Amino acid sequence: MARKKVEIQGIEELKGDRELIQKRKSRWKFRMINAFFHFYTKLLLKTCRFVEDNPERFRQDIMFGFWHEDCYPMELVLDRLTKKHKDICAIVTANQRGDYIENTLRLNGGEALRIPDGMEMKTAFKNMLEAAKRPGLIMAAAFDGPSGPYREPKKLLFMLAKESKKPVVYAHFKYCRVLHLKKRWDNYVVPFPFSKIHISYEEIGEITKEKLMRFDSWRGEILY
């Protein structure tokens, strides 16, 4: 059973076209695939071994990053994080691919912000910023999402961090017994039952105007 839905004020305009999303979710293909994802996610949560380094760095009032290849393991870790922390939301693509992610996030106690890809994202920035400034809120996003290039971080999360005056914390992973989907642009990771998932939390800290201007000089220091 999914946990109680997270209600975060001020993000209504970031939930996407709910009528269109619900229409897509009502199709039998989505329901079948989604049911499998839920079953497999529950299986992994019961069987995988999770090891964390520096978990104290994950806290309220941060902007949180990770690599797109680690999306699914990150959603599994969310199940653990939401037992200690509240108001966790993640930036998710507005297209059909994001529907599956939204449901998995909600299953594990988080909330999805449905943001259009490409140029349309600019119109949503103001609403994202208003949400990011909310006291206590943890906003997460894939550094290289939603469509790459692979392991090349984009500025979005850091721009939001600068304007909201919240520090940036991120996670990187090591695995034992996982599948890498080599044909995907992001080398997407799918854990097997009884996998070992090792999560390390790192802190980049405050993003000043000067630091953001030097983004290209230090972005390669982000670990993966």
Protein backbone atom coordinates (compact mmCIF):
# COMPACT_ATOMS: atom_id res chain seq x y z
CA MET A 1 0.00 0.00 0.00
CA ALA A 2 1.27 3.46 -0.88
CA ARG A 3 2.00 5.80 1.98
CA LYS A 4 -0.10 8.83 2.72
CA LYS A 5 0.32 11.29 -0.12
CA VAL A 6 2.75 14.10 0.60
CA GLU A 7 0.97 17.45 0.56
CA ILE A 8 3.40 20.25 -0.19
CA GLN A 9 1.82 23.66 -0.51
CA GLY A 10 2.69 25.87 -3.45
CA ILE A 11 3.44 23.11 -5.95
CA GLU A 12 0.00 22.65 -7.53
CA GLU A 13 1.20 24.22 -10.80
CA LEU A 14 4.13 21.79 -10.84
CA LYS A 15 2.02 18.63 -10.83
CA GLY A 16 1.41 18.72 -14.57
CA ASP A 17 -1.79 18.27 -16.55
CA ARG A 18 -3.51 15.90 -14.13
CA GLU A 19 -6.36 15.09 -16.53
CA LEU A 20 -3.91 14.01 -19.24
CA ILE A 21 -1.71 12.13 -16.77
CA GLN A 22 -4.67 10.24 -15.30
CA LYS A 23 -5.87 9.38 -18.80
CA ARG A 24 -2.48 7.84 -19.59
CA LYS A 25 -2.44 5.99 -16.28
CA SER A 26 -5.89 4.50 -16.93
CA ARG A 27 -4.67 2.53 -19.96
CA TRP A 28 -4.31 -1.22 -19.40
CA LYS A 29 -0.68 -1.25 -20.58
CA PHE A 30 0.30 1.31 -17.97
CA ARG A 31 -1.60 -0.53 -15.25
CA MET A 32 0.10 -3.83 -16.07
CA ILE A 33 3.62 -2.37 -16.22
CA ASN A 34 3.01 -0.28 -13.12
CA ALA A 35 1.78 -3.32 -11.17
CA PHE A 36 4.98 -5.16 -12.08
CA PHE A 37 7.12 -2.19 -10.99
CA HIS A 38 5.33 -2.08 -7.65
CA PHE A 39 5.79 -5.81 -7.11
CA TYR A 40 9.46 -5.71 -8.07
CA THR A 41 10.12 -2.60 -5.96
CA LYS A 42 8.62 -4.26 -2.88
CA LEU A 43 10.72 -7.37 -3.56
CA LEU A 44 13.90 -5.31 -3.75
CA LEU A 45 13.09 -3.39 -0.58
CA LYS A 46 12.73 -6.69 1.27
CA THR A 47 15.84 -8.39 -0.12
CA CYS A 48 18.48 -5.77 -0.99
CA ARG A 49 21.18 -4.76 1.46
CA PHE A 50 21.67 -1.01 1.84
CA VAL A 51 24.88 0.54 3.21
CA GLU A 52 25.12 4.30 3.76
CA ASP A 53 28.11 6.62 4.23
CA ASN A 54 27.54 10.04 5.81
CA PRO A 55 23.72 9.74 6.03
CA GLU A 56 23.66 12.76 8.37
CA ARG A 57 24.35 14.97 5.36
CA PHE A 58 20.85 14.26 4.06
CA ARG A 59 18.60 16.61 5.98
CA GLN A 60 15.73 19.07 5.63
CA ASP A 61 16.27 22.31 3.68
CA ILE A 62 18.66 21.03 0.99
CA MET A 63 18.75 20.69 -2.77
CA PHE A 64 19.57 17.07 -3.52
CA GLY A 65 21.24 15.64 -6.61
CA PHE A 66 22.07 12.24 -8.08
CA TRP A 67 22.97 10.77 -11.48
CA HIS A 68 20.23 9.68 -13.85
CA GLU A 69 21.63 6.14 -14.09
CA ASP A 70 20.90 5.76 -10.36
CA CYS A 71 17.23 6.80 -10.54
CA TYR A 72 15.77 3.43 -9.62
CA PRO A 73 18.14 2.70 -6.70
CA MET A 74 17.53 6.29 -5.54
CA GLU A 75 13.79 5.61 -5.48
CA LEU A 76 14.48 2.54 -3.31
CA VAL A 77 16.59 4.61 -0.92
CA LEU A 78 13.73 7.13 -0.75
CA ASP A 79 11.73 4.50 1.12
CA ARG A 80 14.32 4.71 3.90
CA LEU A 81 14.74 8.49 3.79
CA THR A 82 11.03 9.28 4.10
CA LYS A 83 10.90 7.37 7.39
CA LYS A 84 13.11 10.08 8.89
CA HIS A 85 12.44 13.11 6.69
CA LYS A 86 9.35 14.83 5.29
CA ASP A 87 8.57 17.08 2.33
CA ILE A 88 10.76 15.31 -0.23
CA CYS A 89 9.95 16.02 -3.87
CA ALA A 90 11.74 15.27 -7.12
CA ILE A 91 11.79 16.95 -10.51
CA VAL A 92 10.36 14.47 -13.03
CA THR A 93 9.71 14.73 -16.76
CA ALA A 94 6.12 15.56 -17.74
CA ASN A 95 5.94 12.86 -20.42
CA GLN A 96 4.65 9.29 -20.10
CA ARG A 97 7.99 8.01 -18.79
CA GLY A 98 7.50 10.27 -15.80
CA ASP A 99 4.15 8.66 -14.97
CA TYR A 100 5.89 5.47 -13.85
CA ILE A 101 8.44 7.43 -11.83
CA GLU A 102 5.68 9.48 -10.19
CA ASN A 103 3.91 6.35 -9.01
CA THR A 104 7.11 4.79 -7.65
CA LEU A 105 7.95 8.02 -5.82
CA ARG A 106 4.53 8.07 -4.20
CA LEU A 107 4.82 4.39 -3.31
CA ASN A 108 7.98 5.25 -1.38
CA GLY A 109 6.68 8.42 0.27
CA GLY A 110 7.82 11.19 -2.10
CA GLU A 111 6.13 13.63 -4.47
CA ALA A 112 6.82 14.32 -8.15
CA LEU A 113 7.13 17.75 -9.74
CA ARG A 114 6.13 17.24 -13.39
CA ILE A 115 8.34 19.58 -15.41
CA PRO A 116 8.28 19.85 -19.24
CA ASP A 117 11.52 19.05 -21.06
CA GLY A 118 13.49 21.47 -23.22
CA MET A 119 12.56 25.12 -23.66
CA GLU A 120 9.22 24.75 -21.89
CA MET A 121 11.11 24.15 -18.63
CA LYS A 122 11.98 27.85 -18.51
CA THR A 123 8.34 28.79 -17.95
CA ALA A 124 8.21 26.43 -14.95
CA PHE A 125 11.38 27.81 -13.32
CA LYS A 126 9.55 30.50 -11.35
CA ASN A 127 7.18 27.94 -9.85
CA MET A 128 10.07 25.57 -9.07
CA LEU A 129 11.90 28.40 -7.34
CA GLU A 130 8.88 29.28 -5.22
CA ALA A 131 8.62 25.66 -4.13
CA ALA A 132 12.38 25.37 -3.52
CA LYS A 133 12.27 28.35 -1.12
CA ARG A 134 9.71 26.63 1.09
CA PRO A 135 11.26 26.10 4.56
CA GLY A 136 12.14 22.47 5.22
CA LEU A 137 11.54 21.31 1.66
CA ILE A 138 13.99 18.85 0.07
CA MET A 139 13.98 19.17 -3.73
CA ALA A 140 15.78 16.48 -5.73
CA ALA A 141 16.80 16.17 -9.38
CA ALA A 142 19.09 14.09 -11.58
CA PHE A 143 22.19 16.11 -12.43
CA ASP A 144 22.20 14.92 -16.06
CA GLY A 145 18.46 14.42 -16.52
CA PRO A 146 16.11 14.09 -18.15
CA SER A 147 17.94 13.02 -21.32
CA GLY A 148 21.66 13.57 -20.91
CA PRO A 149 24.36 13.83 -22.04
CA TYR A 150 25.60 11.04 -19.78
CA ARG A 151 27.25 12.27 -16.56
CA GLU A 152 27.30 15.88 -17.69
CA PRO A 153 25.64 17.89 -14.91
CA LYS A 154 23.29 20.71 -15.82
CA LYS A 155 22.87 23.99 -13.98
CA LEU A 156 19.18 23.70 -13.01
CA LEU A 157 19.59 22.28 -9.49
CA PHE A 158 22.45 24.68 -8.74
CA MET A 159 20.50 27.69 -9.98
CA LEU A 160 17.62 26.74 -7.70
CA ALA A 161 20.08 26.25 -4.83
CA LYS A 162 21.57 29.70 -5.35
CA GLU A 163 18.20 31.45 -5.44
CA SER A 164 16.74 29.48 -2.51
CA LYS A 165 19.98 29.78 -0.48
CA LYS A 166 19.96 26.06 0.27
CA PRO A 167 23.08 23.88 0.20
CA VAL A 168 23.53 21.14 -2.38
CA VAL A 169 23.94 17.55 -1.19
CA TYR A 170 24.18 14.58 -3.54
CA ALA A 171 24.45 10.79 -3.57
CA HIS A 172 26.61 8.45 -5.60
CA PHE A 173 26.40 4.68 -5.62
CA LYS A 174 28.39 1.46 -5.78
CA TYR A 175 26.73 -1.88 -6.47
CA CYS A 176 27.09 -5.61 -6.23
CA ARG A 177 24.80 -7.69 -8.50
CA VAL A 178 22.95 -5.21 -10.72
CA LEU A 179 21.96 -4.94 -14.37
CA HIS A 180 23.17 -2.02 -16.50
CA LEU A 181 20.93 -1.24 -19.47
CA LYS A 182 23.70 -0.55 -21.98
CA LYS A 183 21.37 0.49 -24.80
CA ARG A 184 20.01 3.41 -22.80
CA TRP A 185 21.85 6.73 -22.90
CA ASP A 186 22.27 6.72 -19.10
CA ASN A 187 23.48 3.13 -18.56
CA TYR A 188 20.43 2.73 -16.29
CA VAL A 189 20.90 0.55 -13.20
CA VAL A 190 18.37 -2.13 -12.22
CA PRO A 191 19.21 -3.99 -9.00
CA PHE A 192 18.57 -7.71 -8.68
CA PRO A 193 17.00 -9.22 -5.56
CA PHE A 194 19.65 -9.52 -2.83
CA SER A 195 21.84 -6.84 -4.45
CA LYS A 196 24.13 -4.75 -2.26
CA ILE A 197 23.57 -1.02 -2.71
CA HIS A 198 26.20 1.30 -1.22
CA ILE A 199 25.17 4.97 -1.00
CA SER A 200 27.60 7.77 -0.22
CA TYR A 201 26.32 11.27 0.56
CA GLU A 202 28.52 14.23 -0.39
CA GLU A 203 28.05 17.95 0.24
CA ILE A 204 28.85 20.66 -2.28
CA GLY A 205 27.45 23.31 0.04
CA GLU A 206 26.19 26.81 -0.71
CA ILE A 207 26.04 27.93 -4.32
CA THR A 208 27.00 31.58 -4.60
CA LYS A 209 26.74 33.69 -7.73
CA GLU A 210 30.50 33.45 -8.15
CA LYS A 211 30.54 29.66 -7.73
CA LEU A 212 27.76 29.26 -10.26
CA MET A 213 29.65 31.42 -12.75
CA ARG A 214 32.61 29.02 -12.38
CA PHE A 215 30.36 25.97 -12.84
CA ASP A 216 32.34 24.51 -15.75
CA SER A 217 35.55 24.61 -13.73
CA TRP A 218 34.30 22.39 -10.86
CA ARG A 219 31.40 20.34 -12.20
CA GLY A 220 33.81 17.54 -13.12
CA GLU A 221 34.57 17.11 -9.41
CA ILE A 222 31.10 15.66 -8.74
CA LEU A 223 31.61 11.99 -7.94
CA TYR A 224 29.78 9.09 -9.61
